[in-house]
Amino acid sequence: MKTATITETKNQLSALLDRVRRGETILILDRGRPVARLASIVGAAEDDADGRLARLERDAAVRRATAPVPRALLATRPPRPRAGTSASRALAAERREGR
């Protein structure tokens, strides 16, 4: 969530409203304390799961499935890690390699 001071909000209101139209929410701060939230009324409430999913899809954060998950995939057990392996080491290695 983007934050903006009252002064920034006054000076950049048009730009902030453009961001809100694209689905972002802006938190307005007064001396570092939140006083208001600028959010779109189109598509609606925070607890609207479809609206939230649509925003994430627009932002290219998720992609909806085109077909149901095969039952065989859900029935198989995930692979077991080899002895002596570490998920955190594997993650660190992937980050070093840029994956």
N, C-alpha and C. Protein backbone atom coordinates (compact mmCIF):
# COMPACT_ATOMS: atom_id res chain seq x y z
N MET A 1 0.85 -1.17 0.00
CA MET A 1 0.00 0.00 0.00
C MET A 1 0.89 1.23 0.00
N LYS A 2 0.61 2.16 -0.89
CA LYS A 2 1.37 3.39 -0.97
C LYS A 2 0.93 4.32 0.14
N THR A 3 1.87 5.10 0.64
CA THR A 3 1.54 6.12 1.63
C THR A 3 1.88 7.48 1.05
N ALA A 4 1.15 8.50 1.51
CA ALA A 4 1.40 9.87 1.07
C ALA A 4 1.05 10.81 2.22
N THR A 5 1.84 11.86 2.35
CA THR A 5 1.54 12.87 3.36
C THR A 5 0.40 13.75 2.85
N ILE A 6 -0.14 14.57 3.73
CA ILE A 6 -1.22 15.47 3.32
C ILE A 6 -0.72 16.42 2.24
N THR A 7 0.49 16.94 2.40
CA THR A 7 1.05 17.85 1.41
C THR A 7 1.22 17.17 0.06
N GLU A 8 1.76 15.94 0.06
CA GLU A 8 1.90 15.19 -1.19
C GLU A 8 0.54 14.93 -1.82
N THR A 9 -0.45 14.64 -1.00
CA THR A 9 -1.79 14.37 -1.51
C THR A 9 -2.36 15.61 -2.18
N LYS A 10 -2.20 16.79 -1.55
CA LYS A 10 -2.70 18.02 -2.15
C LYS A 10 -1.98 18.31 -3.47
N ASN A 11 -0.67 18.11 -3.49
CA ASN A 11 0.12 18.45 -4.68
C ASN A 11 -0.01 17.44 -5.81
N GLN A 12 -0.32 16.19 -5.49
CA GLN A 12 -0.35 15.13 -6.50
C GLN A 12 -1.67 14.39 -6.53
N LEU A 13 -2.76 15.06 -6.24
CA LEU A 13 -4.04 14.39 -6.13
C LEU A 13 -4.43 13.67 -7.43
N SER A 14 -4.23 14.30 -8.57
CA SER A 14 -4.60 13.67 -9.84
C SER A 14 -3.83 12.38 -10.05
N ALA A 15 -2.52 12.39 -9.79
CA ALA A 15 -1.69 11.19 -9.97
C ALA A 15 -2.12 10.10 -8.99
N LEU A 16 -2.43 10.48 -7.75
CA LEU A 16 -2.87 9.49 -6.77
C LEU A 16 -4.22 8.89 -7.16
N LEU A 17 -5.11 9.72 -7.69
CA LEU A 17 -6.41 9.19 -8.13
C LEU A 17 -6.25 8.24 -9.31
N ASP A 18 -5.29 8.51 -10.19
CA ASP A 18 -5.02 7.56 -11.29
C ASP A 18 -4.59 6.21 -10.74
N ARG A 19 -3.76 6.22 -9.69
CA ARG A 19 -3.31 4.96 -9.08
C ARG A 19 -4.49 4.23 -8.44
N VAL A 20 -5.37 4.99 -7.81
CA VAL A 20 -6.56 4.39 -7.18
C VAL A 20 -7.46 3.77 -8.24
N ARG A 21 -7.60 4.45 -9.38
CA ARG A 21 -8.41 3.89 -10.47
C ARG A 21 -7.86 2.55 -10.95
N ARG A 22 -6.53 2.39 -10.86
CA ARG A 22 -5.90 1.13 -11.28
C ARG A 22 -5.98 0.07 -10.19
N GLY A 23 -6.61 0.39 -9.06
CA GLY A 23 -6.83 -0.61 -8.03
C GLY A 23 -5.97 -0.48 -6.79
N GLU A 24 -5.08 0.49 -6.75
CA GLU A 24 -4.23 0.68 -5.57
C GLU A 24 -5.01 1.39 -4.46
N THR A 25 -4.52 1.25 -3.25
CA THR A 25 -5.06 1.96 -2.10
C THR A 25 -3.95 2.86 -1.57
N ILE A 26 -4.29 4.10 -1.25
CA ILE A 26 -3.32 5.07 -0.75
C ILE A 26 -3.65 5.39 0.70
N LEU A 27 -2.67 5.30 1.57
CA LEU A 27 -2.84 5.64 2.98
C LEU A 27 -2.33 7.07 3.18
N ILE A 28 -3.19 7.96 3.67
CA ILE A 28 -2.83 9.36 3.87
C ILE A 28 -2.33 9.53 5.30
N LEU A 29 -1.15 10.14 5.43
CA LEU A 29 -0.52 10.32 6.74
C LEU A 29 -0.47 11.79 7.12
N ASP A 30 -0.67 12.07 8.41
CA ASP A 30 -0.49 13.41 8.97
C ASP A 30 0.57 13.31 10.05
N ARG A 31 1.73 13.85 9.76
CA ARG A 31 2.88 13.77 10.68
C ARG A 31 3.21 12.32 11.04
N GLY A 32 3.15 11.45 10.02
CA GLY A 32 3.51 10.05 10.20
C GLY A 32 2.41 9.15 10.74
N ARG A 33 1.25 9.72 11.04
CA ARG A 33 0.14 8.93 11.57
C ARG A 33 -0.95 8.80 10.52
N PRO A 34 -1.47 7.59 10.30
CA PRO A 34 -2.53 7.40 9.31
C PRO A 34 -3.81 8.15 9.72
N VAL A 35 -4.38 8.90 8.76
CA VAL A 35 -5.62 9.63 9.04
C VAL A 35 -6.72 9.28 8.05
N ALA A 36 -6.36 8.75 6.88
CA ALA A 36 -7.37 8.43 5.88
C ALA A 36 -6.83 7.39 4.92
N ARG A 37 -7.76 6.74 4.24
CA ARG A 37 -7.40 5.76 3.21
C ARG A 37 -8.14 6.14 1.94
N LEU A 38 -7.40 6.27 0.84
CA LEU A 38 -7.97 6.60 -0.45
C LEU A 38 -8.08 5.30 -1.24
N ALA A 39 -9.32 4.85 -1.47
CA ALA A 39 -9.54 3.57 -2.14
C ALA A 39 -10.67 3.71 -3.14
N SER A 40 -10.64 2.91 -4.16
CA SER A 40 -11.66 2.94 -5.19
C SER A 40 -12.97 2.37 -4.67
N ILE A 41 -14.07 2.98 -5.11
CA ILE A 41 -15.38 2.43 -4.75
C ILE A 41 -15.89 1.51 -5.84
N VAL A 42 -15.21 1.49 -6.97
CA VAL A 42 -15.58 0.61 -8.07
C VAL A 42 -15.06 -0.77 -7.76
N GLY A 43 -15.91 -1.78 -7.83
CA GLY A 43 -15.47 -3.14 -7.59
C GLY A 43 -15.39 -3.50 -6.14
N ALA A 44 -15.42 -2.58 -5.28
CA ALA A 44 -15.82 -2.63 -3.91
C ALA A 44 -15.04 -3.03 -2.72
N ALA A 45 -15.71 -3.81 -1.86
CA ALA A 45 -15.26 -4.00 -0.48
C ALA A 45 -14.01 -4.85 -0.38
N GLU A 46 -13.30 -4.66 0.74
CA GLU A 46 -12.07 -5.40 1.02
C GLU A 46 -12.31 -6.91 1.09
N ASP A 47 -13.48 -7.30 1.60
CA ASP A 47 -13.73 -8.73 1.75
C ASP A 47 -14.30 -9.36 0.49
N ASP A 48 -14.30 -8.64 -0.62
CA ASP A 48 -14.77 -9.16 -1.90
C ASP A 48 -13.64 -9.95 -2.54
N ALA A 49 -13.67 -11.27 -2.40
CA ALA A 49 -12.58 -12.12 -2.89
C ALA A 49 -12.42 -12.01 -4.40
N ASP A 50 -13.53 -11.96 -5.14
CA ASP A 50 -13.43 -11.85 -6.60
C ASP A 50 -12.80 -10.53 -7.01
N GLY A 51 -13.15 -9.45 -6.33
CA GLY A 51 -12.56 -8.14 -6.63
C GLY A 51 -11.07 -8.12 -6.34
N ARG A 52 -10.68 -8.73 -5.23
CA ARG A 52 -9.26 -8.79 -4.87
C ARG A 52 -8.50 -9.62 -5.89
N LEU A 53 -9.08 -10.73 -6.30
CA LEU A 53 -8.44 -11.58 -7.30
C LEU A 53 -8.33 -10.85 -8.63
N ALA A 54 -9.34 -10.09 -9.00
CA ALA A 54 -9.30 -9.32 -10.25
C ALA A 54 -8.19 -8.28 -10.20
N ARG A 55 -8.03 -7.62 -9.05
CA ARG A 55 -6.94 -6.62 -8.91
C ARG A 55 -5.58 -7.30 -9.04
N LEU A 56 -5.41 -8.44 -8.39
CA LEU A 56 -4.13 -9.16 -8.48
C LEU A 56 -3.86 -9.62 -9.91
N GLU A 57 -4.92 -10.02 -10.60
CA GLU A 57 -4.77 -10.44 -11.99
C GLU A 57 -4.38 -9.26 -12.88
N ARG A 58 -5.00 -8.09 -12.66
CA ARG A 58 -4.65 -6.89 -13.42
C ARG A 58 -3.20 -6.50 -13.18
N ASP A 59 -2.72 -6.68 -11.95
CA ASP A 59 -1.34 -6.33 -11.61
C ASP A 59 -0.35 -7.42 -12.02
N ALA A 60 -0.83 -8.47 -12.66
CA ALA A 60 -0.01 -9.60 -13.11
C ALA A 60 0.66 -10.31 -11.93
N ALA A 61 0.03 -10.28 -10.77
CA ALA A 61 0.57 -10.99 -9.61
C ALA A 61 0.09 -12.43 -9.58
N VAL A 62 -1.06 -12.70 -10.18
CA VAL A 62 -1.60 -14.06 -10.27
C VAL A 62 -2.16 -14.29 -11.66
N ARG A 63 -2.36 -15.54 -11.98
CA ARG A 63 -3.00 -15.91 -13.23
C ARG A 63 -4.04 -16.97 -12.90
N ARG A 64 -5.27 -16.75 -13.34
CA ARG A 64 -6.35 -17.70 -13.04
C ARG A 64 -6.12 -19.00 -13.80
N ALA A 65 -6.55 -20.07 -13.19
CA ALA A 65 -6.43 -21.39 -13.81
C ALA A 65 -7.37 -21.47 -15.00
N THR A 66 -6.94 -22.18 -16.03
CA THR A 66 -7.80 -22.37 -17.20
C THR A 66 -8.52 -23.71 -17.15
N ALA A 67 -8.07 -24.59 -16.25
CA ALA A 67 -8.69 -25.90 -16.10
C ALA A 67 -8.55 -26.32 -14.63
N PRO A 68 -9.42 -27.23 -14.18
CA PRO A 68 -9.29 -27.69 -12.79
C PRO A 68 -8.00 -28.50 -12.59
N VAL A 69 -7.53 -28.53 -11.34
CA VAL A 69 -6.33 -29.29 -11.00
C VAL A 69 -6.64 -30.77 -11.14
N PRO A 70 -5.80 -31.52 -11.84
CA PRO A 70 -6.05 -32.97 -11.97
C PRO A 70 -6.05 -33.66 -10.61
N ARG A 71 -7.01 -34.55 -10.41
CA ARG A 71 -7.11 -35.27 -9.12
C ARG A 71 -5.85 -36.08 -8.83
N ALA A 72 -5.23 -36.62 -9.87
CA ALA A 72 -4.02 -37.42 -9.66
C ALA A 72 -2.92 -36.58 -9.03
N LEU A 73 -2.83 -35.32 -9.43
CA LEU A 73 -1.82 -34.44 -8.85
C LEU A 73 -2.08 -34.19 -7.37
N LEU A 74 -3.34 -34.01 -7.03
CA LEU A 74 -3.69 -33.78 -5.63
C LEU A 74 -3.49 -35.03 -4.78
N ALA A 75 -3.59 -36.21 -5.38
CA ALA A 75 -3.48 -37.46 -4.63
C ALA A 75 -2.02 -37.87 -4.40
N THR A 76 -1.09 -37.36 -5.20
CA THR A 76 0.31 -37.77 -5.03
C THR A 76 0.96 -37.01 -3.89
N ARG A 77 1.86 -37.70 -3.22
CA ARG A 77 2.59 -37.06 -2.12
C ARG A 77 3.71 -36.21 -2.70
N PRO A 78 4.03 -35.10 -2.04
CA PRO A 78 5.15 -34.28 -2.52
C PRO A 78 6.46 -35.03 -2.32
N PRO A 79 7.48 -34.70 -3.10
CA PRO A 79 8.76 -35.40 -2.95
C PRO A 79 9.38 -35.12 -1.59
N ARG A 80 10.05 -36.12 -1.06
CA ARG A 80 10.72 -35.97 0.23
C ARG A 80 12.13 -35.42 0.00
N PRO A 81 12.57 -34.51 0.83
CA PRO A 81 13.92 -33.98 0.66
C PRO A 81 14.97 -35.03 1.01
N ARG A 82 16.11 -34.92 0.35
CA ARG A 82 17.20 -35.85 0.68
C ARG A 82 17.77 -35.51 2.05
N ALA A 83 18.35 -36.50 2.67
CA ALA A 83 18.94 -36.29 4.00
C ALA A 83 20.06 -35.26 3.90
N GLY A 84 20.09 -34.35 4.84
CA GLY A 84 21.13 -33.34 4.88
C GLY A 84 20.85 -32.10 4.04
N THR A 85 19.67 -32.02 3.42
CA THR A 85 19.34 -30.84 2.63
C THR A 85 18.60 -29.82 3.50
N SER A 86 18.64 -28.58 3.07
CA SER A 86 18.01 -27.52 3.82
C SER A 86 17.26 -26.62 2.85
N ALA A 87 16.00 -26.34 3.16
CA ALA A 87 15.20 -25.46 2.31
C ALA A 87 15.79 -24.06 2.27
N SER A 88 16.27 -23.58 3.41
CA SER A 88 16.84 -22.23 3.43
C SER A 88 18.12 -22.14 2.60
N ARG A 89 18.95 -23.22 2.62
CA ARG A 89 20.16 -23.21 1.77
C ARG A 89 19.77 -23.25 0.29
N ALA A 90 18.76 -24.04 -0.04
CA ALA A 90 18.31 -24.12 -1.42
C ALA A 90 17.77 -22.77 -1.90
N LEU A 91 17.02 -22.09 -1.04
CA LEU A 91 16.49 -20.77 -1.38
C LEU A 91 17.63 -19.77 -1.56
N ALA A 92 18.60 -19.79 -0.66
CA ALA A 92 19.75 -18.88 -0.77
C ALA A 92 20.52 -19.14 -2.07
N ALA A 93 20.68 -20.41 -2.43
CA ALA A 93 21.38 -20.74 -3.68
C ALA A 93 20.61 -20.22 -4.89
N GLU A 94 19.28 -20.37 -4.88
CA GLU A 94 18.47 -19.87 -5.99
C GLU A 94 18.59 -18.37 -6.11
N ARG A 95 18.61 -17.68 -5.00
CA ARG A 95 18.74 -16.22 -5.04
C ARG A 95 20.10 -15.79 -5.55
N ARG A 96 21.15 -16.53 -5.17
CA ARG A 96 22.49 -16.21 -5.67
C ARG A 96 22.56 -16.39 -7.19
N GLU A 97 21.86 -17.43 -7.68
CA GLU A 97 21.87 -17.72 -9.11
C GLU A 97 20.93 -16.81 -9.89
N GLY A 98 20.12 -16.03 -9.19
CA GLY A 98 19.21 -15.11 -9.86
C GLY A 98 17.94 -15.75 -10.36
N ARG A 99 17.57 -16.89 -9.80
CA ARG A 99 16.31 -17.54 -10.23
C ARG A 99 15.16 -17.07 -9.44
